[in-house]
Full PDB file with SEQRES, HELIX, SHEET, SSBOND, CRYST1, ORIGX, SCALE, CONECT and MASTER records, all heavy atoms in Angstrom:
SEQRES   1 A   36  LEU TYR PRO ALA THR THR GLY ARG ASN PHE ASP GLU ILE          
SEQRES   2 A   36  LEU ARG VAL VAL ASP SER LEU GLN LEU THR ALA TYR LYS          
SEQRES   3 A   36  LYS VAL ALA THR PRO VAL ASP TRP LYS PRO                      
HELIX    1 AA1 PHE A   10  TYR A   25  1                                  16    
CRYST1    1.000    1.000    1.000  90.00  90.00  90.00 P 1           1          
ORIGX1      1.000000  0.000000  0.000000        0.00000                         
ORIGX2      0.000000  1.000000  0.000000        0.00000                         
ORIGX3      0.000000  0.000000  1.000000        0.00000                         
SCALE1      1.000000  0.000000  0.000000        0.00000                         
SCALE2      0.000000  1.000000  0.000000        0.00000                         
SCALE3      0.000000  0.000000  1.000000        0.00000                         
ATOM      1  N   LEU A   1      69.720  11.786 -16.768  1.00  0.00           N  
ATOM      2  CA  LEU A   1      70.688  10.756 -17.122  1.00  0.00           C  
ATOM      3  C   LEU A   1      70.675  10.586 -18.632  1.00  0.00           C  
ATOM      4  O   LEU A   1      69.629  10.326 -19.223  1.00  0.00           O  
ATOM      5  CB  LEU A   1      70.322   9.435 -16.428  1.00  0.00           C  
ATOM      6  CG  LEU A   1      71.219   8.242 -16.681  1.00  0.00           C  
ATOM      7  CD1 LEU A   1      72.619   8.505 -16.134  1.00  0.00           C  
ATOM      8  CD2 LEU A   1      70.626   6.999 -16.035  1.00  0.00           C  
ATOM      9  N   TYR A   2      71.830  10.779 -19.255  1.00  0.00           N  
ATOM     10  CA  TYR A   2      71.986  10.625 -20.697  1.00  0.00           C  
ATOM     11  C   TYR A   2      72.876   9.424 -20.988  1.00  0.00           C  
ATOM     12  O   TYR A   2      73.842   9.188 -20.258  1.00  0.00           O  
ATOM     13  CB  TYR A   2      72.716  11.838 -21.291  1.00  0.00           C  
ATOM     14  CG  TYR A   2      71.938  13.108 -21.403  1.00  0.00           C  
ATOM     15  CD1 TYR A   2      71.844  13.990 -20.335  1.00  0.00           C  
ATOM     16  CD2 TYR A   2      71.337  13.467 -22.601  1.00  0.00           C  
ATOM     17  CE1 TYR A   2      71.160  15.188 -20.456  1.00  0.00           C  
ATOM     18  CE2 TYR A   2      70.658  14.659 -22.728  1.00  0.00           C  
ATOM     19  CZ  TYR A   2      70.577  15.517 -21.649  1.00  0.00           C  
ATOM     20  OH  TYR A   2      69.907  16.703 -21.780  1.00  0.00           O  
ATOM     21  N   PRO A   3      72.625   8.717 -22.085  1.00  0.00           N  
ATOM     22  CA  PRO A   3      73.609   7.712 -22.501  1.00  0.00           C  
ATOM     23  C   PRO A   3      74.844   8.433 -23.038  1.00  0.00           C  
ATOM     24  O   PRO A   3      74.748   9.573 -23.520  1.00  0.00           O  
ATOM     25  CB  PRO A   3      72.887   6.942 -23.609  1.00  0.00           C  
ATOM     26  CG  PRO A   3      71.843   7.868 -24.120  1.00  0.00           C  
ATOM     27  CD  PRO A   3      71.472   8.777 -22.971  1.00  0.00           C  
ATOM     28  N   ALA A   4      75.991   7.803 -22.953  1.00  0.00           N  
ATOM     29  CA  ALA A   4      77.241   8.440 -23.375  1.00  0.00           C  
ATOM     30  C   ALA A   4      77.255   8.776 -24.869  1.00  0.00           C  
ATOM     31  O   ALA A   4      78.039   9.608 -25.314  1.00  0.00           O  
ATOM     32  CB  ALA A   4      78.426   7.545 -23.032  1.00  0.00           C  
ATOM     33  N   THR A   5      76.366   8.157 -25.628  1.00  0.00           N  
ATOM     34  CA  THR A   5      76.331   8.398 -27.074  1.00  0.00           C  
ATOM     35  C   THR A   5      75.475   9.594 -27.463  1.00  0.00           C  
ATOM     36  O   THR A   5      75.425   9.957 -28.630  1.00  0.00           O  
ATOM     37  CB  THR A   5      75.777   7.157 -27.802  1.00  0.00           C  
ATOM     38  OG1 THR A   5      74.489   6.843 -27.251  1.00  0.00           O  
ATOM     39  CG2 THR A   5      76.724   5.972 -27.647  1.00  0.00           C  
ATOM     40  N   THR A   6      74.798  10.204 -26.488  1.00  0.00           N  
ATOM     41  CA  THR A   6      73.892  11.321 -26.763  1.00  0.00           C  
ATOM     42  C   THR A   6      74.370  12.563 -26.029  1.00  0.00           C  
ATOM     43  O   THR A   6      74.417  12.578 -24.800  1.00  0.00           O  
ATOM     44  CB  THR A   6      72.454  10.978 -26.317  1.00  0.00           C  
ATOM     45  OG1 THR A   6      72.048   9.786 -26.984  1.00  0.00           O  
ATOM     46  CG2 THR A   6      71.494  12.110 -26.637  1.00  0.00           C  
ATOM     47  N   GLY A   7      74.705  13.593 -26.784  1.00  0.00           N  
ATOM     48  CA  GLY A   7      75.161  14.840 -26.173  1.00  0.00           C  
ATOM     49  C   GLY A   7      74.038  15.547 -25.442  1.00  0.00           C  
ATOM     50  O   GLY A   7      72.875  15.501 -25.846  1.00  0.00           O  
ATOM     51  N   ARG A   8      74.390  16.199 -24.360  1.00  0.00           N  
ATOM     52  CA  ARG A   8      73.409  16.942 -23.568  1.00  0.00           C  
ATOM     53  C   ARG A   8      72.978  18.201 -24.298  1.00  0.00           C  
ATOM     54  O   ARG A   8      73.747  18.779 -25.047  1.00  0.00           O  
ATOM     55  CB  ARG A   8      74.010  17.302 -22.207  1.00  0.00           C  
ATOM     56  CG  ARG A   8      74.105  16.074 -21.322  1.00  0.00           C  
ATOM     57  CD  ARG A   8      74.914  16.368 -20.096  1.00  0.00           C  
ATOM     58  NE  ARG A   8      76.264  15.909 -20.330  1.00  0.00           N  
ATOM     59  CZ  ARG A   8      77.055  15.421 -19.386  1.00  0.00           C  
ATOM     60  NH1 ARG A   8      76.648  15.366 -18.147  1.00  0.00           N  
ATOM     61  NH2 ARG A   8      78.261  15.011 -19.664  1.00  0.00           N  
ATOM     62  N   ASN A   9      71.769  18.623 -24.030  1.00  0.00           N  
ATOM     63  CA  ASN A   9      71.229  19.821 -24.641  1.00  0.00           C  
ATOM     64  C   ASN A   9      71.361  20.966 -23.639  1.00  0.00           C  
ATOM     65  O   ASN A   9      70.541  21.100 -22.728  1.00  0.00           O  
ATOM     66  CB  ASN A   9      69.763  19.586 -25.033  1.00  0.00           C  
ATOM     67  CG  ASN A   9      69.164  20.762 -25.764  1.00  0.00           C  
ATOM     68  OD1 ASN A   9      69.550  21.913 -25.552  1.00  0.00           O  
ATOM     69  ND2 ASN A   9      68.210  20.487 -26.613  1.00  0.00           N  
ATOM     70  N   PHE A  10      72.388  21.795 -23.802  1.00  0.00           N  
ATOM     71  CA  PHE A  10      72.626  22.862 -22.838  1.00  0.00           C  
ATOM     72  C   PHE A  10      71.610  23.992 -22.959  1.00  0.00           C  
ATOM     73  O   PHE A  10      71.387  24.723 -21.997  1.00  0.00           O  
ATOM     74  CB  PHE A  10      74.068  23.368 -22.942  1.00  0.00           C  
ATOM     75  CG  PHE A  10      75.022  22.497 -22.178  1.00  0.00           C  
ATOM     76  CD1 PHE A  10      75.602  21.386 -22.769  1.00  0.00           C  
ATOM     77  CD2 PHE A  10      75.316  22.756 -20.854  1.00  0.00           C  
ATOM     78  CE1 PHE A  10      76.457  20.559 -22.056  1.00  0.00           C  
ATOM     79  CE2 PHE A  10      76.163  21.940 -20.125  1.00  0.00           C  
ATOM     80  CZ  PHE A  10      76.732  20.840 -20.731  1.00  0.00           C  
ATOM     81  N   ASP A  11      70.964  24.146 -24.119  1.00  0.00           N  
ATOM     82  CA  ASP A  11      69.873  25.119 -24.204  1.00  0.00           C  
ATOM     83  C   ASP A  11      68.726  24.672 -23.301  1.00  0.00           C  
ATOM     84  O   ASP A  11      68.107  25.487 -22.617  1.00  0.00           O  
ATOM     85  CB  ASP A  11      69.381  25.267 -25.646  1.00  0.00           C  
ATOM     86  CG  ASP A  11      70.425  25.917 -26.543  1.00  0.00           C  
ATOM     87  OD1 ASP A  11      71.181  26.781 -26.051  1.00  0.00           O  
ATOM     88  OD2 ASP A  11      70.483  25.558 -27.736  1.00  0.00           O  
ATOM     89  N   GLU A  12      68.460  23.367 -23.265  1.00  0.00           N  
ATOM     90  CA  GLU A  12      67.423  22.834 -22.380  1.00  0.00           C  
ATOM     91  C   GLU A  12      67.837  22.988 -20.922  1.00  0.00           C  
ATOM     92  O   GLU A  12      67.009  23.325 -20.073  1.00  0.00           O  
ATOM     93  CB  GLU A  12      67.136  21.363 -22.708  1.00  0.00           C  
ATOM     94  CG  GLU A  12      66.227  20.660 -21.720  1.00  0.00           C  
ATOM     95  CD  GLU A  12      64.814  21.215 -21.593  1.00  0.00           C  
ATOM     96  OE1 GLU A  12      64.433  22.134 -22.351  1.00  0.00           O  
ATOM     97  OE2 GLU A  12      64.081  20.739 -20.712  1.00  0.00           O  
ATOM     98  N   ILE A  13      69.095  22.771 -20.627  1.00  0.00           N  
ATOM     99  CA  ILE A  13      69.564  22.926 -19.247  1.00  0.00           C  
ATOM    100  C   ILE A  13      69.391  24.383 -18.791  1.00  0.00           C  
ATOM    101  O   ILE A  13      68.940  24.641 -17.677  1.00  0.00           O  
ATOM    102  CB  ILE A  13      71.007  22.415 -19.089  1.00  0.00           C  
ATOM    103  CG1 ILE A  13      71.029  20.884 -19.295  1.00  0.00           C  
ATOM    104  CG2 ILE A  13      71.601  22.807 -17.739  1.00  0.00           C  
ATOM    105  CD1 ILE A  13      72.415  20.280 -19.440  1.00  0.00           C  
ATOM    106  N   LEU A  14      69.707  25.336 -19.669  1.00  0.00           N  
ATOM    107  CA  LEU A  14      69.484  26.753 -19.341  1.00  0.00           C  
ATOM    108  C   LEU A  14      67.992  27.033 -19.131  1.00  0.00           C  
ATOM    109  O   LEU A  14      67.606  27.747 -18.205  1.00  0.00           O  
ATOM    110  CB  LEU A  14      70.012  27.655 -20.454  1.00  0.00           C  
ATOM    111  CG  LEU A  14      71.479  28.014 -20.395  1.00  0.00           C  
ATOM    112  CD1 LEU A  14      71.901  28.739 -21.673  1.00  0.00           C  
ATOM    113  CD2 LEU A  14      71.804  28.860 -19.186  1.00  0.00           C  
ATOM    114  N   ARG A  15      67.143  26.461 -19.991  1.00  0.00           N  
ATOM    115  CA  ARG A  15      65.695  26.651 -19.865  1.00  0.00           C  
ATOM    116  C   ARG A  15      65.200  26.111 -18.520  1.00  0.00           C  
ATOM    117  O   ARG A  15      64.403  26.752 -17.830  1.00  0.00           O  
ATOM    118  CB  ARG A  15      64.962  25.940 -21.018  1.00  0.00           C  
ATOM    119  CG  ARG A  15      63.460  26.189 -21.050  1.00  0.00           C  
ATOM    120  CD  ARG A  15      62.776  25.246 -22.028  1.00  0.00           C  
ATOM    121  NE  ARG A  15      62.584  23.927 -21.452  1.00  0.00           N  
ATOM    122  CZ  ARG A  15      61.535  23.568 -20.713  1.00  0.00           C  
ATOM    123  NH1 ARG A  15      60.578  24.437 -20.435  1.00  0.00           N  
ATOM    124  NH2 ARG A  15      61.431  22.349 -20.224  1.00  0.00           N  
ATOM    125  N   VAL A  16      65.705  24.948 -18.128  1.00  0.00           N  
ATOM    126  CA  VAL A  16      65.310  24.357 -16.852  1.00  0.00           C  
ATOM    127  C   VAL A  16      65.779  25.233 -15.687  1.00  0.00           C  
ATOM    128  O   VAL A  16      65.032  25.450 -14.731  1.00  0.00           O  
ATOM    129  CB  VAL A  16      65.848  22.914 -16.726  1.00  0.00           C  
ATOM    130  CG1 VAL A  16      65.686  22.396 -15.313  1.00  0.00           C  
ATOM    131  CG2 VAL A  16      65.153  22.000 -17.713  1.00  0.00           C  
ATOM    132  N   VAL A  17      66.992  25.756 -15.771  1.00  0.00           N  
ATOM    133  CA  VAL A  17      67.486  26.656 -14.718  1.00  0.00           C  
ATOM    134  C   VAL A  17      66.566  27.870 -14.612  1.00  0.00           C  
ATOM    135  O   VAL A  17      66.176  28.271 -13.513  1.00  0.00           O  
ATOM    136  CB  VAL A  17      68.948  27.079 -14.980  1.00  0.00           C  
ATOM    137  CG1 VAL A  17      69.354  28.263 -14.105  1.00  0.00           C  
ATOM    138  CG2 VAL A  17      69.903  25.908 -14.772  1.00  0.00           C  
ATOM    139  N   ASP A  18      66.188  28.452 -15.756  1.00  0.00           N  
ATOM    140  CA  ASP A  18      65.280  29.602 -15.737  1.00  0.00           C  
ATOM    141  C   ASP A  18      63.962  29.238 -15.058  1.00  0.00           C  
ATOM    142  O   ASP A  18      63.437  29.999 -14.238  1.00  0.00           O  
ATOM    143  CB  ASP A  18      65.011  30.105 -17.155  1.00  0.00           C  
ATOM    144  CG  ASP A  18      66.207  30.813 -17.772  1.00  0.00           C  
ATOM    145  OD1 ASP A  18      67.066  31.322 -17.016  1.00  0.00           O  
ATOM    146  OD2 ASP A  18      66.289  30.853 -19.022  1.00  0.00           O  
ATOM    147  N   SER A  19      63.422  28.073 -15.387  1.00  0.00           N  
ATOM    148  CA  SER A  19      62.169  27.623 -14.780  1.00  0.00           C  
ATOM    149  C   SER A  19      62.337  27.382 -13.280  1.00  0.00           C  
ATOM    150  O   SER A  19      61.511  27.831 -12.476  1.00  0.00           O  
ATOM    151  CB  SER A  19      61.684  26.336 -15.454  1.00  0.00           C  
ATOM    152  OG  SER A  19      60.565  25.813 -14.771  1.00  0.00           O  
ATOM    153  N   LEU A  20      63.403  26.685 -12.900  1.00  0.00           N  
ATOM    154  CA  LEU A  20      63.634  26.400 -11.478  1.00  0.00           C  
ATOM    155  C   LEU A  20      63.783  27.679 -10.666  1.00  0.00           C  
ATOM    156  O   LEU A  20      63.234  27.797  -9.564  1.00  0.00           O  
ATOM    157  CB  LEU A  20      64.876  25.526 -11.305  1.00  0.00           C  
ATOM    158  CG  LEU A  20      64.752  24.076 -11.757  1.00  0.00           C  
ATOM    159  CD1 LEU A  20      66.123  23.408 -11.764  1.00  0.00           C  
ATOM    160  CD2 LEU A  20      63.783  23.311 -10.882  1.00  0.00           C  
ATOM    161  N   GLN A  21      64.520  28.640 -11.215  1.00  0.00           N  
ATOM    162  CA  GLN A  21      64.712  29.893 -10.482  1.00  0.00           C  
ATOM    163  C   GLN A  21      63.409  30.681 -10.389  1.00  0.00           C  
ATOM    164  O   GLN A  21      63.086  31.229  -9.335  1.00  0.00           O  
ATOM    165  CB  GLN A  21      65.824  30.712 -11.127  1.00  0.00           C  
ATOM    166  CG  GLN A  21      67.184  30.080 -10.916  1.00  0.00           C  
ATOM    167  CD  GLN A  21      68.327  30.854 -11.540  1.00  0.00           C  
ATOM    168  OE1 GLN A  21      68.131  31.683 -12.425  1.00  0.00           O  
ATOM    169  NE2 GLN A  21      69.539  30.587 -11.083  1.00  0.00           N  
ATOM    170  N   LEU A  22      62.652  30.734 -11.463  1.00  0.00           N  
ATOM    171  CA  LEU A  22      61.379  31.462 -11.451  1.00  0.00           C  
ATOM    172  C   LEU A  22      60.402  30.827 -10.467  1.00  0.00           C  
ATOM    173  O   LEU A  22      59.799  31.505  -9.630  1.00  0.00           O  
ATOM    174  CB  LEU A  22      60.768  31.480 -12.858  1.00  0.00           C  
ATOM    175  CG  LEU A  22      59.395  32.127 -12.987  1.00  0.00           C  
ATOM    176  CD1 LEU A  22      59.465  33.617 -12.664  1.00  0.00           C  
ATOM    177  CD2 LEU A  22      58.836  31.895 -14.377  1.00  0.00           C  
ATOM    178  N   THR A  23      60.267  29.512 -10.532  1.00  0.00           N  
ATOM    179  CA  THR A  23      59.283  28.830  -9.685  1.00  0.00           C  
ATOM    180  C   THR A  23      59.723  28.744  -8.225  1.00  0.00           C  
ATOM    181  O   THR A  23      58.888  28.543  -7.347  1.00  0.00           O  
ATOM    182  CB  THR A  23      58.947  27.426 -10.232  1.00  0.00           C  
ATOM    183  OG1 THR A  23      60.137  26.622 -10.265  1.00  0.00           O  
ATOM    184  CG2 THR A  23      58.359  27.524 -11.633  1.00  0.00           C  
ATOM    185  N   ALA A  24      61.006  28.937  -7.968  1.00  0.00           N  
ATOM    186  CA  ALA A  24      61.488  28.945  -6.586  1.00  0.00           C  
ATOM    187  C   ALA A  24      61.085  30.234  -5.869  1.00  0.00           C  
ATOM    188  O   ALA A  24      60.937  30.240  -4.644  1.00  0.00           O  
ATOM    189  CB  ALA A  24      63.008  28.793  -6.548  1.00  0.00           C  
ATOM    190  N   TYR A  25      60.892  31.314  -6.636  1.00  0.00           N  
ATOM    191  CA  TYR A  25      60.654  32.610  -6.010  1.00  0.00           C  
ATOM    192  C   TYR A  25      59.250  33.170  -6.255  1.00  0.00           C  
ATOM    193  O   TYR A  25      58.842  34.122  -5.600  1.00  0.00           O  
ATOM    194  CB  TYR A  25      61.708  33.605  -6.475  1.00  0.00           C  
ATOM    195  CG  TYR A  25      63.114  33.114  -6.191  1.00  0.00           C  
ATOM    196  CD1 TYR A  25      63.999  32.839  -7.221  1.00  0.00           C  
ATOM    197  CD2 TYR A  25      63.540  32.872  -4.887  1.00  0.00           C  
ATOM    198  CE1 TYR A  25      65.289  32.357  -6.957  1.00  0.00           C  
ATOM    199  CE2 TYR A  25      64.815  32.389  -4.622  1.00  0.00           C  
ATOM    200  CZ  TYR A  25      65.680  32.143  -5.667  1.00  0.00           C  
ATOM    201  OH  TYR A  25      66.947  31.662  -5.394  1.00  0.00           O  
ATOM    202  N   LYS A  26      58.539  32.607  -7.189  1.00  0.00           N  
ATOM    203  CA  LYS A  26      57.169  33.054  -7.498  1.00  0.00           C  
ATOM    204  C   LYS A  26      56.228  31.864  -7.342  1.00  0.00           C  
ATOM    205  O   LYS A  26      56.641  30.718  -7.467  1.00  0.00           O  
ATOM    206  CB  LYS A  26      57.082  33.574  -8.947  1.00  0.00           C  
ATOM    207  CG  LYS A  26      58.036  34.706  -9.272  1.00  0.00           C  
ATOM    208  CD  LYS A  26      57.596  35.993  -8.656  1.00  0.00           C  
ATOM    209  CE  LYS A  26      58.533  37.122  -9.068  1.00  0.00           C  
ATOM    210  NZ  LYS A  26      58.152  38.385  -8.497  1.00  0.00           N  
ATOM    211  N   LYS A  27      54.968  32.123  -7.112  1.00  0.00           N  
ATOM    212  CA  LYS A  27      53.989  31.040  -6.930  1.00  0.00           C  
ATOM    213  C   LYS A  27      53.424  30.624  -8.288  1.00  0.00           C  
ATOM    214  O   LYS A  27      52.222  30.759  -8.561  1.00  0.00           O  
ATOM    215  CB  LYS A  27      52.902  31.485  -5.967  1.00  0.00           C  
ATOM    216  CG  LYS A  27      53.436  31.688  -4.563  1.00  0.00           C  
ATOM    217  CD  LYS A  27      52.368  32.041  -3.581  1.00  0.00           C  
ATOM    218  CE  LYS A  27      53.014  32.190  -2.207  1.00  0.00           C  
ATOM    219  NZ  LYS A  27      52.050  32.302  -1.153  1.00  0.00           N  
ATOM    220  N   VAL A  28      54.338  30.135  -9.135  1.00  0.00           N  
ATOM    221  CA  VAL A  28      53.969  29.732 -10.489  1.00  0.00           C  
ATOM    222  C   VAL A  28      54.641  28.398 -10.831  1.00  0.00           C  
ATOM    223  O   VAL A  28      55.546  27.943 -10.135  1.00  0.00           O  
ATOM    224  CB  VAL A  28      54.386  30.798 -11.535  1.00  0.00           C  
ATOM    225  CG1 VAL A  28      53.645  32.112 -11.303  1.00  0.00           C  
ATOM    226  CG2 VAL A  28      55.890  31.027 -11.550  1.00  0.00           C  
ATOM    227  N   ALA A  29      54.161  27.821 -11.921  1.00  0.00           N  
ATOM    228  CA  ALA A  29      54.769  26.638 -12.521  1.00  0.00           C  
ATOM    229  C   ALA A  29      54.924  26.947 -14.007  1.00  0.00           C  
ATOM    230  O   ALA A  29      54.264  27.854 -14.531  1.00  0.00           O  
ATOM    231  CB  ALA A  29      53.872  25.421 -12.322  1.00  0.00           C  
ATOM    232  N   THR A  30      55.792  26.215 -14.683  1.00  0.00           N  
ATOM    233  CA  THR A  30      55.978  26.454 -16.113  1.00  0.00           C  
ATOM    234  C   THR A  30      55.367  25.293 -16.899  1.00  0.00           C  
ATOM    235  O   THR A  30      55.651  24.134 -16.621  1.00  0.00           O  
ATOM    236  CB  THR A  30      57.465  26.627 -16.470  1.00  0.00           C  
ATOM    237  OG1 THR A  30      58.207  25.498 -16.029  1.00  0.00           O  
ATOM    238  CG2 THR A  30      58.029  27.889 -15.825  1.00  0.00           C  
ATOM    239  N   PRO A  31      54.518  25.600 -17.891  1.00  0.00           N  
ATOM    240  CA  PRO A  31      53.845  24.554 -18.653  1.00  0.00           C  
ATOM    241  C   PRO A  31      54.773  23.903 -19.680  1.00  0.00           C  
ATOM    242  O   PRO A  31      55.916  24.334 -19.871  1.00  0.00           O  
ATOM    243  CB  PRO A  31      52.709  25.310 -19.342  1.00  0.00           C  
ATOM    244  CG  PRO A  31      53.231  26.694 -19.511  1.00  0.00           C  
ATOM    245  CD  PRO A  31      54.114  26.942 -18.315  1.00  0.00           C  
ATOM    246  N   VAL A  32      54.246  22.906 -20.353  1.00  0.00           N  
ATOM    247  CA  VAL A  32      54.982  22.194 -21.389  1.00  0.00           C  
ATOM    248  C   VAL A  32      55.551  23.189 -22.417  1.00  0.00           C  
ATOM    249  O   VAL A  32      54.917  24.186 -22.757  1.00  0.00           O  
ATOM    250  CB  VAL A  32      54.073  21.144 -22.075  1.00  0.00           C  
ATOM    251  CG1 VAL A  32      52.905  21.809 -22.799  1.00  0.00           C  
ATOM    252  CG2 VAL A  32      54.864  20.252 -23.016  1.00  0.00           C  
ATOM    253  N   ASP A  33      56.775  22.937 -22.842  1.00  0.00           N  
ATOM    254  CA  ASP A  33      57.465  23.730 -23.870  1.00  0.00           C  
ATOM    255  C   ASP A  33      57.637  25.208 -23.509  1.00  0.00           C  
ATOM    256  O   ASP A  33      57.872  26.044 -24.374  1.00  0.00           O  
ATOM    257  CB  ASP A  33      56.761  23.604 -25.234  1.00  0.00           C  
ATOM    258  CG  ASP A  33      56.754  22.179 -25.746  1.00  0.00           C  
ATOM    259  OD1 ASP A  33      57.708  21.431 -25.454  1.00  0.00           O  
ATOM    260  OD2 ASP A  33      55.779  21.801 -26.444  1.00  0.00           O  
ATOM    261  N   TRP A  34      57.523  25.541 -22.226  1.00  0.00           N  
ATOM    262  CA  TRP A  34      57.680  26.919 -21.771  1.00  0.00           C  
ATOM    263  C   TRP A  34      59.071  27.434 -22.110  1.00  0.00           C  
ATOM    264  O   TRP A  34      60.059  26.706 -22.061  1.00  0.00           O  
ATOM    265  CB  TRP A  34      57.464  26.972 -20.254  1.00  0.00           C  
ATOM    266  CG  TRP A  34      57.756  28.315 -19.648  1.00  0.00           C  
ATOM    267  CD1 TRP A  34      56.897  29.366 -19.544  1.00  0.00           C  
ATOM    268  CD2 TRP A  34      58.983  28.746 -19.069  1.00  0.00           C  
ATOM    269  NE1 TRP A  34      57.520  30.423 -18.929  1.00  0.00           N  
ATOM    270  CE2 TRP A  34      58.818  30.068 -18.636  1.00  0.00           C  
ATOM    271  CE3 TRP A  34      60.231  28.139 -18.889  1.00  0.00           C  
ATOM    272  CZ2 TRP A  34      59.817  30.803 -18.014  1.00  0.00           C  
ATOM    273  CZ3 TRP A  34      61.232  28.873 -18.276  1.00  0.00           C  
ATOM    274  CH2 TRP A  34      61.027  30.186 -17.851  1.00  0.00           C  
ATOM    275  N   LYS A  35      59.122  28.717 -22.458  1.00  0.00           N  
ATOM    276  CA  LYS A  35      60.386  29.416 -22.670  1.00  0.00           C  
ATOM    277  C   LYS A  35      60.329  30.713 -21.871  1.00  0.00           C  
ATOM    278  O   LYS A  35      59.246  31.263 -21.662  1.00  0.00           O  
ATOM    279  CB  LYS A  35      60.596  29.727 -24.151  1.00  0.00           C  
ATOM    280  CG  LYS A  35      60.773  28.491 -25.009  1.00  0.00           C  
ATOM    281  CD  LYS A  35      60.954  28.889 -26.465  1.00  0.00           C  
ATOM    282  CE  LYS A  35      60.877  27.693 -27.354  1.00  0.00           C  
ATOM    283  NZ  LYS A  35      59.535  27.428 -27.868  1.00  0.00           N  
ATOM    284  N   PRO A  36      61.480  31.233 -21.421  1.00  0.00           N  
ATOM    285  CA  PRO A  36      61.474  32.499 -20.683  1.00  0.00           C  
ATOM    286  C   PRO A  36      60.707  33.584 -21.457  1.00  0.00           C  
ATOM    287  O   PRO A  36      60.890  33.752 -22.660  1.00  0.00           O  
ATOM    288  CB  PRO A  36      62.950  32.850 -20.552  1.00  0.00           C  
ATOM    289  CG  PRO A  36      63.639  31.515 -20.578  1.00  0.00           C  
ATOM    290  CD  PRO A  36      62.838  30.693 -21.556  1.00  0.00           C  
TER     291      PRO A  36                                                      
MASTER        0    0    0    1    0    0    0    6  290    1    0    3          
END                                                                             
């Protein structure tokens, strides 16, 4: 949830998608500040 005055960070959204997809199929988790 973002306030209307703050633009969303789509690079972060892509990073989260990468993490969600990886962790959905492998027995791993992604640590703080993880990048693909």
